Protein backbone atom coordinates (compact mmCIF):
# COMPACT_ATOMS: atom_id res chain seq x y z
CA MET A 1 11.04 4.81 -21.28
CA ALA A 2 10.83 1.90 -24.48
CA PHE A 3 12.48 -0.69 -21.93
CA THR A 4 10.14 0.49 -19.07
CA LEU A 5 7.17 -0.24 -21.26
CA MET A 6 8.20 -3.35 -22.11
CA GLY A 7 9.27 -4.43 -18.23
CA TRP A 8 4.96 -3.01 -17.91
CA TYR A 9 3.87 -5.58 -20.86
CA PHE A 10 6.01 -8.07 -20.03
CA ILE A 11 4.96 -8.46 -16.88
CA ALA A 12 0.83 -8.03 -17.94
CA PHE A 13 1.91 -10.46 -20.15
CA ILE A 14 3.01 -13.12 -17.71
CA ASN A 15 0.01 -12.43 -15.56
CA GLY A 16 -2.92 -12.69 -18.32
CA ASP A 17 -4.30 -15.36 -19.43
CA ALA A 18 -2.51 -15.45 -22.50
CA HIS A 19 1.42 -16.57 -21.25
CA PRO A 20 3.07 -20.21 -22.10
CA ARG A 21 1.96 -23.12 -19.93
CA TRP A 22 5.38 -23.20 -18.52
CA LEU A 23 4.56 -19.82 -16.42
CA GLU A 24 1.03 -21.64 -15.39
CA CYS A 25 2.50 -22.76 -12.12
CA THR A 26 4.00 -18.97 -11.38
CA LYS A 27 0.77 -17.95 -11.82
CA LYS A 28 -1.04 -19.72 -9.21
CA VAL A 29 1.64 -19.12 -7.02
CA MET A 30 1.82 -15.08 -7.21
CA THR A 31 1.64 -12.56 -9.45
CA ILE A 32 4.07 -10.67 -10.65
CA PRO A 33 3.24 -6.94 -10.34
CA PRO A 34 4.30 -4.38 -13.09
CA LEU A 35 5.81 -2.21 -11.29
CA VAL A 36 8.96 -5.48 -10.61
CA GLY A 37 9.34 -5.44 -14.56
CA MET A 38 9.05 -2.02 -15.16
CA ILE A 39 12.40 -1.33 -12.55
CA VAL A 40 13.96 -4.13 -14.12
CA PHE A 41 14.07 -3.23 -17.42
CA GLY A 42 14.71 0.83 -16.04
CA ILE A 43 18.32 -1.11 -15.29
CA ILE A 44 18.92 -2.87 -18.48
CA GLY A 45 17.86 0.01 -19.93
CA ARG A 46 20.24 2.32 -18.16
CA ASN A 47 23.25 -0.19 -18.37
CA ILE A 48 23.12 -1.31 -22.15
CA HIS A 49 26.92 0.87 -22.60
CA PRO A 50 26.82 3.48 -24.63
CA TYR A 51 23.21 4.30 -25.96
CA MET A 52 22.78 5.93 -22.33
CA ASP A 53 25.94 7.12 -21.05
CA HIS A 54 24.41 10.27 -21.59
CA PHE A 55 21.25 9.92 -19.26
CA ASN A 56 20.69 12.98 -17.24
CA ASP A 57 20.49 12.61 -13.12
CA ASP A 58 18.58 15.45 -12.52
CA TRP A 59 15.75 14.65 -15.45
CA GLY A 60 15.27 11.35 -14.28
CA ALA A 61 14.94 13.31 -10.15
CA ASN A 62 12.64 15.44 -12.14
CA ILE A 63 9.92 12.66 -13.06
CA ARG A 64 9.71 11.11 -10.12
CA MET A 65 8.96 13.96 -8.01
CA VAL A 66 6.01 14.67 -10.25
CA CYS A 67 4.78 11.34 -10.45
CA LEU A 68 5.11 10.93 -6.18
CA VAL A 69 3.44 14.08 -5.98
CA VAL A 70 0.58 12.50 -8.06
CA ILE A 71 0.58 9.67 -6.51
CA LEU A 72 0.63 10.71 -2.50
CA THR A 73 -1.91 13.66 -3.70
CA ARG A 74 -3.89 10.22 -4.31
CA GLY A 75 -3.10 9.27 -0.74
CA GLY A 76 -3.66 11.88 0.88
CA MET A 77 -7.46 11.68 -0.03
CA GLU A 78 -7.66 9.06 0.89
CA LEU A 79 -6.47 9.57 4.50
CA SER A 80 -8.07 8.86 8.03
CA PHE A 81 -6.06 10.26 11.25
CA SER A 82 -9.32 9.28 13.30
CA GLY A 83 -8.26 6.42 15.88
CA LYS A 84 -4.70 5.05 14.63
CA GLY A 85 -2.98 8.42 15.31
CA LEU A 86 -1.00 6.03 17.76
CA THR A 87 -0.54 2.98 15.24
CA VAL A 88 1.21 5.73 13.05
CA PHE A 89 2.85 7.25 14.87
CA LEU A 90 4.81 4.04 16.23
CA LEU A 91 4.78 3.13 12.46
CA THR A 92 6.25 5.94 11.82
CA VAL A 93 9.55 6.21 14.58
CA ALA A 94 10.10 2.66 15.92
CA PRO A 95 11.04 0.27 12.98
CA GLN A 96 13.04 2.81 11.17
CA MET A 97 14.97 3.59 14.40
CA PHE A 98 16.17 0.61 15.17
CA GLU A 99 16.67 -0.30 11.59
CA ALA A 100 19.64 2.40 11.51
CA SER A 101 20.55 2.15 15.05
CA THR A 102 21.35 -1.62 14.24
CA ILE A 103 22.96 -0.56 10.32
CA ALA A 104 25.05 1.88 12.13
CA GLY A 105 27.06 -0.30 14.56
CA ILE A 106 27.00 -3.29 11.78
CA SER A 107 28.90 -0.75 9.53
CA LYS A 108 30.73 0.33 12.27
CA ALA A 109 32.40 -3.16 12.21
CA VAL A 110 32.33 -4.18 8.61
CA PHE A 111 33.58 -1.10 6.96
CA ASP A 112 35.43 0.94 9.66
CA LEU A 113 32.99 3.95 8.40
CA PRO A 114 32.96 6.96 10.78
CA ILE A 115 30.86 6.74 13.94
CA TYR A 116 28.58 9.89 11.77
CA LEU A 117 28.85 8.70 8.21
CA CYS A 118 27.55 4.83 9.88
CA PHE A 119 23.73 6.57 11.26
CA SER A 120 23.59 8.47 8.37
CA LEU A 121 23.57 5.52 6.48
CA GLY A 122 21.64 3.83 8.64
CA PHE A 123 18.75 5.87 7.83
CA VAL A 124 19.32 5.90 3.59
CA VAL A 125 18.54 2.19 3.97
CA GLY A 126 16.01 2.82 6.41
CA ALA A 127 13.62 4.71 4.76
CA VAL A 128 10.84 3.05 2.71
CA SER A 129 9.54 3.69 -0.44
CA PRO A 130 6.46 5.71 -1.26
CA ALA A 131 6.88 5.33 -4.68
CA VAL A 132 7.01 1.26 -3.97
CA LEU A 133 4.11 1.09 -1.15
CA VAL A 134 1.64 3.67 -1.92
CA PRO A 135 0.66 2.05 -5.56
CA SER A 136 0.35 -1.41 -3.87
CA CYS A 137 -1.79 -0.32 -0.99
CA MET A 138 -3.97 2.49 -3.16
CA TYR A 139 -4.45 -1.64 -5.33
CA LEU A 140 -5.64 -3.58 -1.60
CA GLN A 141 -8.01 -0.05 -1.74
CA ASP A 142 -9.23 -0.47 -4.54
CA ASN A 143 -10.35 -3.88 -3.95
CA GLY A 144 -11.47 -3.56 -0.08
CA TYR A 145 -8.89 -5.73 1.80
CA GLY A 146 -8.44 -4.01 4.63
CA VAL A 147 -10.63 -0.94 4.41
CA ASP A 148 -12.18 -1.63 7.67
CA LYS A 149 -9.26 -1.10 9.75
CA GLU A 150 -8.02 0.53 7.65
CA ILE A 151 -5.19 -0.99 6.76
CA PRO A 152 -3.99 0.65 3.13
CA THR A 153 -4.36 4.57 4.94
CA THR A 154 -2.06 3.54 7.92
CA LEU A 155 0.84 2.31 5.64
CA ILE A 156 0.60 5.30 3.75
CA ALA A 157 0.47 7.82 5.99
CA ALA A 158 3.50 6.16 8.57
CA ALA A 159 5.48 5.52 4.67
CA SER A 160 5.20 9.87 4.33
CA PHE A 161 6.15 10.04 7.76
CA ASP A 162 8.84 8.06 7.50
CA ASP A 163 10.74 9.48 4.92
CA ILE A 164 10.64 12.72 6.24
CA ILE A 165 12.04 11.56 9.44
CA ALA A 166 14.89 10.29 7.79
CA ILE A 167 15.72 12.44 4.55
CA THR A 168 16.06 14.46 7.89
CA VAL A 169 18.05 13.20 10.49
CA PHE A 170 19.99 11.80 7.28
CA SER A 171 20.60 15.30 6.39
CA ILE A 172 22.00 15.76 10.41
CA PHE A 173 23.90 13.54 10.49
CA THR A 174 25.82 14.46 7.43
CA ASP A 175 26.46 18.23 8.09
CA LEU A 176 28.28 16.14 11.22
CA ALA A 177 30.15 14.28 9.52
CA PHE A 178 31.40 16.69 6.67
CA ASN A 179 31.59 19.29 9.84
CA LYS A 180 35.00 19.38 10.19
CA VAL A 181 36.19 18.21 6.72
CA ALA A 182 34.81 19.97 4.54
CA GLU A 183 35.59 23.80 3.44
CA ASP A 184 32.18 25.35 3.77
CA SER A 185 30.95 22.93 7.17
CA LYS A 186 27.76 24.49 8.65
CA GLU A 187 26.72 23.68 11.80
CA PRO A 188 24.38 20.84 12.89
CA TYR A 189 21.80 23.44 14.10
CA GLU A 190 21.52 24.88 10.57
CA SER A 191 20.53 22.04 9.63
CA ILE A 192 18.11 20.86 12.13
CA TYR A 193 16.55 24.19 12.37
CA THR A 194 16.95 24.39 8.38
CA ASN A 195 15.36 21.01 8.00
CA ALA A 196 12.23 21.88 11.04
CA TYR A 197 11.23 24.88 8.87
CA GLN A 198 10.84 23.01 5.87
CA ILE A 199 8.47 20.46 7.41
CA VAL A 200 6.08 22.76 9.09
CA THR A 201 5.76 25.04 6.04
CA GLY A 202 5.45 22.38 3.97
CA LEU A 203 1.98 20.69 5.84
CA ALA A 204 1.00 24.97 6.95
CA VAL A 205 1.17 25.49 2.77
CA GLY A 206 -0.58 21.77 1.98
CA CYS A 207 -3.77 22.19 4.64
CA ILE A 208 -4.20 25.85 3.56
CA VAL A 209 -4.29 25.51 -0.01
CA GLY A 210 -6.55 22.13 0.39
CA ALA A 211 -8.60 23.97 2.48
CA ILE A 212 -8.70 27.14 0.44
CA LEU A 213 -9.81 25.10 -2.63
CA GLY A 214 -11.79 21.97 -0.52
CA PHE A 215 -13.93 25.51 0.43
CA SER A 216 -14.47 27.31 -2.94
CA LEU A 217 -15.71 24.11 -4.96
CA LYS A 218 -17.55 21.69 -1.48
CA LYS A 219 -21.04 22.79 -3.21
CA MET A 220 -20.36 21.64 -6.71
CA ALA A 221 -22.78 19.42 -8.09
CA HIS A 222 -21.42 15.85 -7.96
CA ASN A 223 -21.28 15.05 -11.67
CA ARG A 224 -18.50 13.86 -14.37
CA LYS A 225 -18.00 17.63 -15.80
CA SER A 226 -17.55 18.87 -12.00
CA ARG A 227 -14.35 16.17 -11.30
CA MET A 228 -13.24 16.66 -14.65
CA ILE A 229 -12.67 21.11 -13.23
CA LYS A 230 -11.00 19.42 -9.88
CA LEU A 231 -9.01 17.07 -11.53
CA LEU A 232 -7.73 19.90 -13.94
CA LEU A 233 -7.76 21.99 -10.40
CA ILE A 234 -6.17 19.82 -8.83
CA LEU A 235 -3.23 19.28 -11.76
CA LEU A 236 -2.71 22.86 -11.90
CA ILE A 237 -1.98 23.67 -7.70
CA LEU A 238 0.55 20.42 -7.88
CA ALA A 239 2.38 21.99 -10.71
CA LEU A 240 2.87 24.83 -8.70
CA PHE A 241 3.77 22.84 -5.80
CA VAL A 242 6.92 21.48 -7.53
CA THR A 243 7.86 24.54 -9.22
CA GLY A 244 7.83 26.42 -5.79
CA VAL A 245 9.99 23.32 -4.25
CA GLU A 246 12.33 24.19 -6.95
CA LEU A 247 12.64 27.55 -6.53
CA SER A 248 12.58 27.73 -2.93
CA GLY A 249 14.98 24.57 -2.22
CA PHE A 250 12.60 23.42 -0.40
CA HIS A 251 13.28 19.67 -0.62
CA GLU A 252 12.09 18.13 2.07
CA SER A 253 8.95 20.22 2.22
CA LEU A 254 7.15 18.54 -1.15
CA TYR A 255 5.96 15.20 -0.12
CA ILE A 256 4.53 16.40 3.26
CA CYS A 257 2.07 19.17 1.85
CA VAL A 258 0.60 17.05 -0.79
CA LEU A 259 0.24 14.57 1.27
CA PHE A 260 -2.16 16.81 3.53
CA PHE A 261 -3.03 19.28 0.64
CA GLY A 262 -4.85 16.10 -0.27
CA TYR A 263 -5.93 14.93 3.06
CA MET A 264 -7.89 18.79 3.57
CA LEU A 265 -9.44 17.57 -0.25
CA ASN A 266 -10.41 14.19 1.30
CA VAL A 267 -12.50 16.01 4.51
CA LEU A 268 -14.59 19.17 2.88
CA TRP A 269 -15.14 16.66 -0.55
CA GLY A 270 -15.89 13.42 0.51
CA GLU A 271 -17.10 11.55 -1.79
CA LYS A 272 -17.16 13.85 -4.30
CA LYS A 273 -13.44 13.57 -4.43
CA PRO A 274 -11.98 12.43 -8.19
CA ASP A 275 -9.83 10.15 -6.67
CA ALA A 276 -10.56 7.90 -9.47
CA TYR A 277 -9.43 10.12 -11.75
CA LEU A 278 -6.01 10.32 -10.16
CA GLY A 279 -6.16 6.47 -10.07
CA PHE A 280 -6.35 6.69 -14.23
CA ILE A 281 -3.80 9.09 -14.88
CA TRP A 282 -1.60 7.06 -12.41
CA LYS A 283 -1.88 4.16 -14.40
CA TYR A 284 -0.08 6.18 -16.87
CA MET A 285 2.49 7.62 -15.01
CA SER A 286 3.89 5.03 -12.99
CA PRO A 287 6.16 3.38 -15.95
CA PHE A 288 7.50 6.78 -15.69
CA LEU A 289 8.29 6.88 -11.76
CA PHE A 290 9.69 3.05 -11.69
CA GLY A 291 11.63 2.98 -14.84
CA THR A 292 13.83 6.30 -13.12
CA ILE A 293 14.07 4.47 -10.52
CA GLY A 294 15.73 1.43 -12.07
CA ALA A 295 17.28 4.09 -14.66
CA ALA A 296 19.05 5.78 -11.59
CA ILE A 297 20.87 2.34 -10.67
CA ASP A 298 24.25 2.53 -12.59
CA LEU A 299 25.66 -0.80 -12.18
CA GLY A 300 28.96 0.72 -13.04
CA ASP A 301 29.09 2.58 -9.73
CA LEU A 302 28.79 -0.58 -7.78
CA GLU A 303 32.01 -1.45 -5.92
CA PHE A 304 31.53 -5.19 -6.15
CA ASP A 305 33.97 -6.15 -2.75
CA ILE A 306 31.22 -4.26 -1.02
CA VAL A 307 28.49 -6.26 -2.11
CA PRO A 308 28.66 -9.47 0.19
CA LYS A 309 29.78 -6.80 3.26
CA ALA A 310 26.87 -4.25 1.95
CA ILE A 311 24.06 -7.56 1.71
CA LEU A 312 24.96 -8.55 4.92
CA VAL A 313 24.35 -5.21 6.42
CA ILE A 314 20.45 -5.02 4.97
CA PHE A 315 20.23 -8.78 5.50
CA CYS A 316 20.52 -7.83 9.62
CA GLY A 317 18.60 -4.14 9.67
CA SER A 318 15.70 -5.71 7.41
CA THR A 319 15.57 -8.86 10.07
CA ILE A 320 15.26 -5.95 13.26
CA ARG A 321 12.34 -3.43 11.42
CA LEU A 322 10.66 -6.62 10.58
CA ILE A 323 10.26 -7.93 14.25
CA VAL A 324 10.13 -4.04 15.21
CA THR A 325 6.94 -3.27 13.08
CA TYR A 326 5.57 -7.08 13.91
CA LEU A 327 5.51 -5.73 17.67
CA VAL A 328 4.59 -2.21 16.73
CA VAL A 329 1.27 -3.55 15.45
CA TRP A 330 0.32 -6.03 17.81
CA GLN A 331 -2.56 -4.83 18.77
CA LYS A 332 -6.32 -7.33 19.59
CA LYS A 333 -7.42 -5.46 16.45
CA TYR A 334 -5.48 -6.58 13.88
CA THR A 335 -5.22 -10.39 12.83
CA VAL A 336 -1.74 -12.34 12.45
CA LYS A 337 -2.27 -12.48 8.93
CA GLU A 338 -2.92 -8.75 8.62
CA ARG A 339 0.24 -8.15 10.87
CA ILE A 340 1.49 -10.06 8.53
CA VAL A 341 0.78 -8.05 5.57
CA ILE A 342 2.29 -4.71 7.62
CA VAL A 343 5.02 -6.44 7.80
CA CYS A 344 5.45 -6.50 3.96
CA GLY A 345 4.67 -3.40 3.31
CA TRP A 346 7.48 -2.27 4.92
CA ILE A 347 10.70 -4.40 3.19
CA PRO A 348 10.23 -2.29 -0.24
CA LYS A 349 13.16 0.49 -0.53
CA ALA A 350 13.87 2.91 -3.28
CA THR A 351 12.62 6.21 -3.82
CA VAL A 352 14.50 7.94 -0.98
CA GLN A 353 18.05 5.46 -1.59
CA ALA A 354 17.92 6.64 -5.52
CA ALA A 355 17.39 9.60 -4.26
CA ILE A 356 20.38 10.04 -1.65
CA GLY A 357 22.43 7.58 -1.46
CA GLY A 358 24.91 9.13 -4.01
CA VAL A 359 24.94 12.43 -1.36
CA VAL A 360 27.62 11.87 0.72
CA LEU A 361 30.00 10.84 -2.49
CA ASP A 362 28.62 14.13 -4.00
CA ARG A 363 29.72 16.64 -1.28
CA ALA A 364 33.39 14.69 -0.71
CA ARG A 365 33.61 15.66 -3.92
CA ASP A 366 32.46 19.12 -4.08
CA ASP A 367 33.21 19.97 -0.21
CA ILE A 368 36.80 18.50 0.15
CA LYS A 369 40.10 19.80 -1.42
CA ARG A 370 41.26 17.01 -3.62
CA SER A 371 44.91 18.21 -1.50
CA SER A 372 43.33 17.56 1.90
CA PRO A 373 44.15 14.35 3.31
CA ASP A 374 40.42 13.53 3.58
CA TYR A 375 39.44 13.55 0.09
CA GLU A 376 40.47 9.38 -0.77
CA ASP A 377 38.67 8.21 2.68
CA TYR A 378 35.77 10.48 2.57
CA GLU A 379 35.36 9.46 -1.26
CA ASP A 380 35.59 5.80 -0.60
CA HIS A 381 33.01 6.18 2.61
CA GLY A 382 30.38 7.57 -0.06
CA LYS A 383 31.20 5.25 -2.24
CA THR A 384 29.93 1.91 0.22
CA ILE A 385 27.61 4.44 1.02
CA LEU A 386 26.08 3.97 -2.60
CA THR A 387 27.02 0.52 -3.34
CA THR A 388 24.65 -0.30 0.09
CA ALA A 389 22.08 2.29 -1.56
CA ILE A 390 21.60 0.22 -5.11
CA ILE A 391 22.13 -3.07 -2.93
CA CYS A 392 19.32 -2.37 -0.74
CA ILE A 393 17.00 -1.53 -3.42
CA LEU A 394 17.85 -4.68 -5.98
CA MET A 395 17.23 -6.41 -3.23
CA THR A 396 14.02 -4.94 -1.38
CA ALA A 397 11.43 -3.53 -3.70
CA PRO A 398 10.76 -6.33 -6.15
CA LEU A 399 10.47 -8.17 -2.75
CA GLY A 400 8.47 -6.03 -0.75
CA ALA A 401 6.27 -5.50 -3.52
CA ILE A 402 5.54 -8.63 -4.57
CA LEU A 403 4.83 -9.77 -1.01
CA THR A 404 2.17 -6.83 0.41
CA SER A 405 0.42 -7.07 -3.21
CA ASN A 406 -0.56 -11.08 -3.35
CA LEU A 407 -0.40 -11.64 0.66
CA GLY A 408 -3.27 -8.81 0.56
CA ARG A 409 -5.00 -10.89 -2.34
CA LYS A 410 -4.85 -13.48 -1.06
CA GLN A 411 -6.20 -12.39 2.01
CA GLN A 412 -8.73 -10.70 0.65
CA LYS A 413 -9.96 -13.80 -0.81
CA GLU A 414 -10.20 -15.67 2.61
CA VAL A 415 -12.04 -13.19 4.20
CA GLU A 416 -14.10 -13.33 0.89
CA ASN A 417 -14.52 -16.82 1.12
CA GLU A 418 -15.13 -16.56 4.96
CA GLU A 419 -18.91 -14.23 4.61
CA ASP A 420 -19.75 -16.22 1.50
CA GLU A 421 -19.45 -18.97 4.01
CA ARG A 422 -21.40 -16.83 6.73
CA GLU A 423 -23.93 -16.29 3.88
CA ASP A 424 -24.21 -19.39 3.20
CA LYS A 425 -25.24 -20.90 6.79
CA ASN A 426 -27.45 -17.69 7.08
CA GLY A 427 -29.81 -18.79 4.20
CA ASN A 428 -29.28 -21.88 5.31
CA GLY A 429 -31.20 -21.01 8.57
CA LYS A 430 -33.53 -19.31 7.32
CA GLU A 431 -34.69 -21.91 4.80
CA ALA A 432 -35.46 -24.37 7.78
CA GLU A 433 -37.22 -21.60 9.10
CA LYS A 434 -39.48 -21.67 6.17
CA GLU A 435 -39.55 -25.48 6.26
CA LYS A 436 -39.90 -25.41 10.28
CA PRO A 437 -43.95 -24.20 9.10
CA LEU A 438 -45.15 -26.58 6.54
CA GLU A 439 -43.46 -29.89 8.79
CA GLU A 440 -45.69 -28.41 11.47
CA SER A 441 -48.94 -28.01 9.10
CA ASP A 442 -47.82 -31.37 7.85
CA ARG A 443 -47.72 -33.40 10.74
CA SER A 444 -51.19 -31.63 12.06
CA SER A 445 -52.95 -32.78 9.10
CA GLU A 446 -51.33 -36.38 9.22
CA SER A 447 -52.93 -36.19 13.74
CA HIS A 448 -56.29 -35.39 11.56
CA GLU A 449 -56.55 -38.33 9.98
CA GLU A 450 -55.18 -40.58 12.80
CA GLU A 451 -58.25 -39.19 14.61
CA LYS A 452 -60.89 -39.81 11.65
CA GLU A 453 -59.20 -43.89 11.33
CA GLU A 454 -59.77 -43.75 15.49
CA GLU A 455 -63.92 -42.48 14.94
CA ARG A 456 -64.22 -45.00 12.38
CA PRO A 457 -65.19 -48.69 14.11
CA LYS A 458 -66.72 -46.16 17.09
CA ILE A 459 -69.81 -45.68 13.66
CA GLU A 460 -69.42 -49.14 12.87
CA ASP A 461 -70.96 -50.00 16.78
CA SER A 462 -73.76 -47.48 16.39
CA GLY A 463 -75.42 -49.77 14.09
CA VAL A 464 -74.25 -48.29 10.37
CA PRO A 465 -74.64 -51.55 8.42
CA ASN A 466 -71.11 -52.33 6.84
CA GLY A 467 -70.57 -51.72 3.05
CA THR A 468 -72.53 -48.66 3.25
CA GLU A 469 -70.28 -44.99 2.50
CA GLU A 470 -68.97 -43.44 5.59
CA SER A 471 -69.60 -39.85 4.50
CA GLY A 472 -72.18 -38.62 7.06
CA SER A 473 -75.00 -37.43 4.27
CA ASN A 474 -75.45 -41.10 3.93
CA PHE A 475 -76.61 -42.08 6.85
CA LEU A 476 -79.77 -39.98 6.51
CA PRO A 477 -82.13 -40.87 3.64
CA ASP A 478 -82.27 -39.53 0.47
CA ILE A 479 -85.36 -36.55 0.94
CA HIS A 480 -84.25 -36.04 -3.48
CA ASN A 481 -84.99 -39.94 -4.02
CA LYS A 482 -88.43 -40.28 -4.54
CA SER A 483 -88.59 -44.11 -4.11
CA ASN A 484 -86.82 -43.46 -0.20
CA ILE A 485 -89.98 -40.94 0.29
CA GLN A 486 -92.63 -43.71 -0.43
């Protein structure tokens, strides 16, 4: 964690005002999200030998799970499915399916994997990272970008379902791949049934518990004390969710459970939800999440002869994904720049890859006899998938986070500038309208003076001697002057 905090403060140092002049150009071009420094320093910390040889991967996985539960609950508190169900569905299904199919075809030619493991690799790489995407979306949400079109919440919802589909389909193809070579293989329909049951259970539990808590505290006064009570109850329930998942083994149900738990609280509490308090807690939990993501990457597991091929596979799959994503959001309500922000949000990969990247390798070592002729082949296949997953994290997580946050911020500034220009124009128009009556009054006074000047010759022609005063009172005798009376 010390290395992660170093990464946090290093990025804050670059983005802040107290940095050297040679970093000024970097700040003007882009702002580096703190999570990039956390991931990088987590990788550095993990690969300093021999100090991190005893790093417990199970601890890292549990820390990531707890942190993800918090950020997904907060993301669920911003969800709204009204009017965007089709967009969420298409963003969930289309990009991932096209990317996974592309990777499966290319990996068959490049790595010569069995066809089922080709699709397993496709869905390992094809899962977007909620750990990277959701904080970026919450940043955009808090700063007002895309809120009118609900872009951040659309991405949060689609990313959560994207991971559920990826993990489910990955499990199915992995079971199919090990069906004939493993000692204790299970039928594919068992995997389909198990995953479907877990998803439905997670959805039901999240909605029911969220509804019970929401209705129980719906009429509570909206003040600091009530928000603290709500926050403590939410954290307690999230702890119970995590404990229940660990005891039951329903790992696929956790993300959808907490997402819809937060969604139900949003529906029932509205503005009384303690989302700002969860955001405050998240600021202190984020180093643990991104630090353990970086620490999950052991460079010693890399097969360096596979790296160039892995880069090719990831690049081709990501290209297809971005093209399909852009076509999915080809709607009139989104501008070109907003589509680009959505596309960039679909780049980062980290969480799922760190979680399931080594599953095939572990199953090859645990489920296949070492005396079996398939053992070495499947162990090599597992190393190939793990190496590709690691390279995928290194390539896409920093890039996606940087592009999403910077493009979103830039787009928001442009929107604010346009609004300011409109306000200035409206203000100038109002001032012009105010000046019009004044100009008309000036013109009327000028015309009145001109009429007076035109009347002067007529007065002189009527017999008034030159040099007398023009006022009407001087044309009459002064009754107050006694000499005139005489």
